[in-house]
Amino acid sequence: MRPKHRPRVRVRLMKKRLQLLLNVQFPEINDPKGLCRDITGVGRWGNGDVEVSLSSLDELPYVMGLVRQSYERQMGKGGDEATNELPSQ
């Protein structure tokens, strides 16, 4: 039986970075810095059409914004207004 909901992001630990697969179509992601890679149709582990790598803690707020966009798309909240920054605390 297939699960009702797919994971929103898969994380793979690499030697010098984290590799994330976002479960969103590439044209739907707002990525002004160009960190995302379109892996539509590429043989790969997991699901999702967007790959992004995190190689520095400085990139974490931006990458979390990308993860948030994927989450909001899957939850039906659109994600168009999503920012690529974490909310200020």
N, C-alpha and C. Protein backbone atom coordinates (compact mmCIF):
# COMPACT_ATOMS: atom_id res chain seq x y z
N MET A 1 0.84 -1.18 0.00
CA MET A 1 0.00 0.00 0.00
C MET A 1 0.88 1.25 0.00
N ARG A 2 0.54 2.19 -0.83
CA ARG A 2 1.31 3.42 -0.96
C ARG A 2 0.91 4.42 0.13
N PRO A 3 1.91 5.06 0.77
CA PRO A 3 1.57 6.05 1.80
C PRO A 3 0.77 7.21 1.22
N LYS A 4 -0.10 7.79 2.05
CA LYS A 4 -0.95 8.89 1.60
C LYS A 4 -0.13 10.15 1.28
N HIS A 5 0.84 10.43 2.12
CA HIS A 5 1.66 11.63 1.93
C HIS A 5 3.11 11.23 1.68
N ARG A 6 3.73 11.89 0.74
CA ARG A 6 5.14 11.66 0.48
C ARG A 6 5.96 12.59 1.37
N PRO A 7 7.19 12.19 1.65
CA PRO A 7 8.06 13.10 2.41
C PRO A 7 8.26 14.41 1.66
N ARG A 8 8.37 15.49 2.37
CA ARG A 8 8.54 16.80 1.76
C ARG A 8 9.99 17.07 1.40
N VAL A 9 10.89 16.45 2.13
CA VAL A 9 12.32 16.62 1.86
C VAL A 9 13.05 15.36 2.32
N ARG A 10 14.04 14.98 1.56
CA ARG A 10 14.93 13.88 1.94
C ARG A 10 16.32 14.47 2.06
N VAL A 11 17.03 14.04 3.08
CA VAL A 11 18.37 14.56 3.34
C VAL A 11 19.38 13.42 3.21
N ARG A 12 20.43 13.70 2.49
CA ARG A 12 21.49 12.72 2.31
C ARG A 12 22.79 13.35 2.78
N LEU A 13 23.47 12.67 3.68
CA LEU A 13 24.74 13.16 4.21
C LEU A 13 25.86 12.78 3.26
N MET A 14 26.54 13.79 2.75
CA MET A 14 27.67 13.60 1.87
C MET A 14 28.94 13.94 2.65
N LYS A 15 30.09 13.76 2.03
CA LYS A 15 31.35 13.98 2.74
C LYS A 15 31.52 15.43 3.23
N LYS A 16 31.19 16.41 2.36
CA LYS A 16 31.41 17.81 2.72
C LYS A 16 30.16 18.66 2.64
N ARG A 17 28.99 18.02 2.53
CA ARG A 17 27.76 18.79 2.40
C ARG A 17 26.56 17.91 2.70
N LEU A 18 25.42 18.54 2.82
CA LEU A 18 24.14 17.84 2.88
C LEU A 18 23.46 18.01 1.53
N GLN A 19 22.90 16.95 1.04
CA GLN A 19 22.15 17.02 -0.21
C GLN A 19 20.68 16.83 0.13
N LEU A 20 19.83 17.74 -0.31
CA LEU A 20 18.41 17.68 -0.03
C LEU A 20 17.63 17.51 -1.32
N LEU A 21 16.65 16.64 -1.29
CA LEU A 21 15.71 16.50 -2.40
C LEU A 21 14.38 17.06 -1.93
N LEU A 22 13.90 18.06 -2.61
CA LEU A 22 12.64 18.70 -2.26
C LEU A 22 11.54 18.12 -3.13
N ASN A 23 10.44 17.75 -2.52
CA ASN A 23 9.33 17.16 -3.23
C ASN A 23 8.44 18.26 -3.80
N VAL A 24 8.94 18.91 -4.83
CA VAL A 24 8.23 19.99 -5.51
C VAL A 24 8.75 20.00 -6.95
N GLN A 25 7.94 20.46 -7.88
CA GLN A 25 8.40 20.55 -9.27
C GLN A 25 9.32 21.76 -9.41
N PHE A 26 10.34 21.59 -10.24
CA PHE A 26 11.36 22.63 -10.38
C PHE A 26 10.80 24.00 -10.75
N PRO A 27 9.87 24.10 -11.70
CA PRO A 27 9.36 25.44 -12.05
C PRO A 27 8.61 26.13 -10.91
N GLU A 28 8.21 25.39 -9.88
CA GLU A 28 7.44 25.97 -8.78
C GLU A 28 8.30 26.54 -7.67
N ILE A 29 9.61 26.32 -7.71
CA ILE A 29 10.47 26.78 -6.62
C ILE A 29 11.01 28.18 -6.94
N ASN A 30 10.98 29.05 -5.94
CA ASN A 30 11.51 30.40 -6.07
C ASN A 30 12.92 30.38 -5.50
N ASP A 31 13.91 30.41 -6.38
CA ASP A 31 15.32 30.27 -5.98
C ASP A 31 16.18 31.35 -6.62
N PRO A 32 16.11 32.58 -6.11
CA PRO A 32 16.88 33.68 -6.72
C PRO A 32 18.39 33.45 -6.72
N LYS A 33 18.91 32.70 -5.76
CA LYS A 33 20.36 32.47 -5.70
C LYS A 33 20.81 31.35 -6.63
N GLY A 34 19.88 30.60 -7.18
CA GLY A 34 20.23 29.56 -8.12
C GLY A 34 20.92 28.35 -7.51
N LEU A 35 20.62 28.04 -6.27
CA LEU A 35 21.23 26.87 -5.62
C LEU A 35 20.57 25.56 -6.01
N CYS A 36 19.34 25.62 -6.49
CA CYS A 36 18.59 24.41 -6.82
C CYS A 36 18.98 23.87 -8.19
N ARG A 37 18.87 22.58 -8.30
CA ARG A 37 19.16 21.89 -9.57
C ARG A 37 17.93 21.09 -9.98
N ASP A 38 17.56 21.20 -11.24
CA ASP A 38 16.42 20.46 -11.77
C ASP A 38 16.87 19.03 -12.06
N ILE A 39 16.30 18.06 -11.34
CA ILE A 39 16.66 16.66 -11.55
C ILE A 39 15.46 15.87 -12.07
N THR A 40 14.54 16.57 -12.72
CA THR A 40 13.39 15.92 -13.33
C THR A 40 13.88 14.91 -14.35
N GLY A 41 13.42 13.69 -14.24
CA GLY A 41 13.78 12.66 -15.20
C GLY A 41 15.16 12.05 -15.01
N VAL A 42 15.88 12.47 -13.99
CA VAL A 42 17.20 11.92 -13.72
C VAL A 42 17.04 10.76 -12.75
N GLY A 43 17.69 9.64 -13.02
CA GLY A 43 17.65 8.53 -12.07
C GLY A 43 18.30 8.95 -10.76
N ARG A 44 17.59 8.76 -9.65
CA ARG A 44 18.08 9.23 -8.36
C ARG A 44 17.40 8.49 -7.23
N TRP A 45 17.92 8.64 -6.04
CA TRP A 45 17.29 8.08 -4.85
C TRP A 45 16.15 8.99 -4.43
N GLY A 46 15.14 8.46 -3.81
CA GLY A 46 14.06 9.27 -3.24
C GLY A 46 13.11 9.82 -4.29
N ASN A 47 12.37 10.83 -3.88
CA ASN A 47 11.41 11.47 -4.77
C ASN A 47 11.63 12.98 -4.74
N GLY A 48 11.04 13.66 -5.67
CA GLY A 48 11.21 15.10 -5.77
C GLY A 48 12.00 15.45 -7.01
N ASP A 49 11.77 16.64 -7.52
CA ASP A 49 12.41 17.09 -8.75
C ASP A 49 13.44 18.19 -8.52
N VAL A 50 13.67 18.55 -7.26
CA VAL A 50 14.59 19.65 -6.96
C VAL A 50 15.66 19.14 -5.99
N GLU A 51 16.91 19.36 -6.38
CA GLU A 51 18.04 19.01 -5.52
C GLU A 51 18.72 20.30 -5.10
N VAL A 52 19.05 20.39 -3.83
CA VAL A 52 19.80 21.54 -3.33
C VAL A 52 20.84 21.02 -2.34
N SER A 53 22.02 21.60 -2.38
CA SER A 53 23.09 21.19 -1.47
C SER A 53 23.36 22.29 -0.46
N LEU A 54 23.65 21.86 0.74
CA LEU A 54 23.98 22.77 1.84
C LEU A 54 25.42 22.48 2.23
N SER A 55 26.32 23.40 1.92
CA SER A 55 27.73 23.17 2.20
C SER A 55 28.29 24.13 3.25
N SER A 56 27.46 25.04 3.72
CA SER A 56 27.89 26.01 4.71
C SER A 56 26.70 26.38 5.61
N LEU A 57 26.98 26.60 6.88
CA LEU A 57 25.91 27.02 7.79
C LEU A 57 25.32 28.37 7.39
N ASP A 58 26.09 29.17 6.68
CA ASP A 58 25.60 30.46 6.20
C ASP A 58 24.43 30.29 5.23
N GLU A 59 24.36 29.15 4.55
CA GLU A 59 23.29 28.88 3.59
C GLU A 59 22.02 28.35 4.24
N LEU A 60 22.10 28.00 5.51
CA LEU A 60 20.98 27.34 6.19
C LEU A 60 19.68 28.14 6.15
N PRO A 61 19.65 29.44 6.47
CA PRO A 61 18.38 30.17 6.41
C PRO A 61 17.76 30.17 5.01
N TYR A 62 18.59 30.32 4.00
CA TYR A 62 18.10 30.33 2.62
C TYR A 62 17.52 28.97 2.24
N VAL A 63 18.26 27.90 2.55
CA VAL A 63 17.82 26.54 2.20
C VAL A 63 16.55 26.19 2.97
N MET A 64 16.44 26.62 4.21
CA MET A 64 15.21 26.36 4.98
C MET A 64 14.02 27.07 4.33
N GLY A 65 14.25 28.22 3.71
CA GLY A 65 13.19 28.89 2.96
C GLY A 65 12.74 28.06 1.77
N LEU A 66 13.68 27.38 1.12
CA LEU A 66 13.33 26.49 0.01
C LEU A 66 12.53 25.31 0.51
N VAL A 67 12.93 24.75 1.64
CA VAL A 67 12.20 23.63 2.25
C VAL A 67 10.79 24.08 2.61
N ARG A 68 10.67 25.29 3.15
CA ARG A 68 9.35 25.83 3.51
C ARG A 68 8.46 25.96 2.28
N GLN A 69 9.02 26.40 1.16
CA GLN A 69 8.24 26.50 -0.07
C GLN A 69 7.69 25.14 -0.47
N SER A 70 8.52 24.12 -0.41
CA SER A 70 8.10 22.76 -0.76
C SER A 70 6.97 22.31 0.15
N TYR A 71 7.13 22.56 1.45
CA TYR A 71 6.11 22.18 2.43
C TYR A 71 4.79 22.90 2.15
N GLU A 72 4.85 24.19 1.92
CA GLU A 72 3.62 24.97 1.68
C GLU A 72 2.93 24.54 0.40
N ARG A 73 3.68 24.21 -0.62
CA ARG A 73 3.08 23.70 -1.86
C ARG A 73 2.32 22.40 -1.60
N GLN A 74 2.93 21.50 -0.86
CA GLN A 74 2.30 20.21 -0.60
C GLN A 74 1.10 20.32 0.32
N MET A 75 1.12 21.30 1.18
CA MET A 75 0.01 21.47 2.11
C MET A 75 -1.10 22.35 1.52
N GLY A 76 -0.93 22.75 0.26
CA GLY A 76 -1.96 23.53 -0.42
C GLY A 76 -1.98 25.00 -0.08
N LYS A 77 -0.86 25.50 0.43
CA LYS A 77 -0.79 26.91 0.80
C LYS A 77 -0.11 27.74 -0.28
N GLY A 78 0.12 27.16 -1.43
CA GLY A 78 0.70 27.91 -2.54
C GLY A 78 2.19 28.01 -2.49
N GLY A 79 2.73 28.75 -1.55
CA GLY A 79 4.17 28.92 -1.46
C GLY A 79 4.70 30.06 -2.30
N ASP A 80 3.84 30.76 -3.05
CA ASP A 80 4.31 31.85 -3.90
C ASP A 80 4.89 33.00 -3.09
N GLU A 81 4.32 33.24 -1.93
CA GLU A 81 4.78 34.35 -1.10
C GLU A 81 5.88 33.93 -0.15
N ALA A 82 6.29 32.68 -0.20
CA ALA A 82 7.29 32.18 0.73
C ALA A 82 8.61 32.93 0.53
N THR A 83 9.23 33.28 1.61
CA THR A 83 10.53 33.89 1.54
C THR A 83 11.58 32.82 1.73
N ASN A 84 12.79 33.13 1.40
CA ASN A 84 13.88 32.18 1.58
C ASN A 84 14.68 32.53 2.82
N GLU A 85 14.02 33.11 3.80
CA GLU A 85 14.67 33.44 5.06
C GLU A 85 13.81 32.92 6.20
N LEU A 86 14.45 32.59 7.30
CA LEU A 86 13.71 32.18 8.49
C LEU A 86 13.11 33.42 9.13
N PRO A 87 11.97 33.28 9.81
CA PRO A 87 11.40 34.44 10.49
C PRO A 87 12.34 34.95 11.58
N SER A 88 12.35 36.27 11.79
CA SER A 88 13.19 36.83 12.83
C SER A 88 12.64 36.44 14.19
N GLN A 89 13.56 36.26 15.13
CA GLN A 89 13.15 35.79 16.46
C GLN A 89 13.41 36.82 17.50
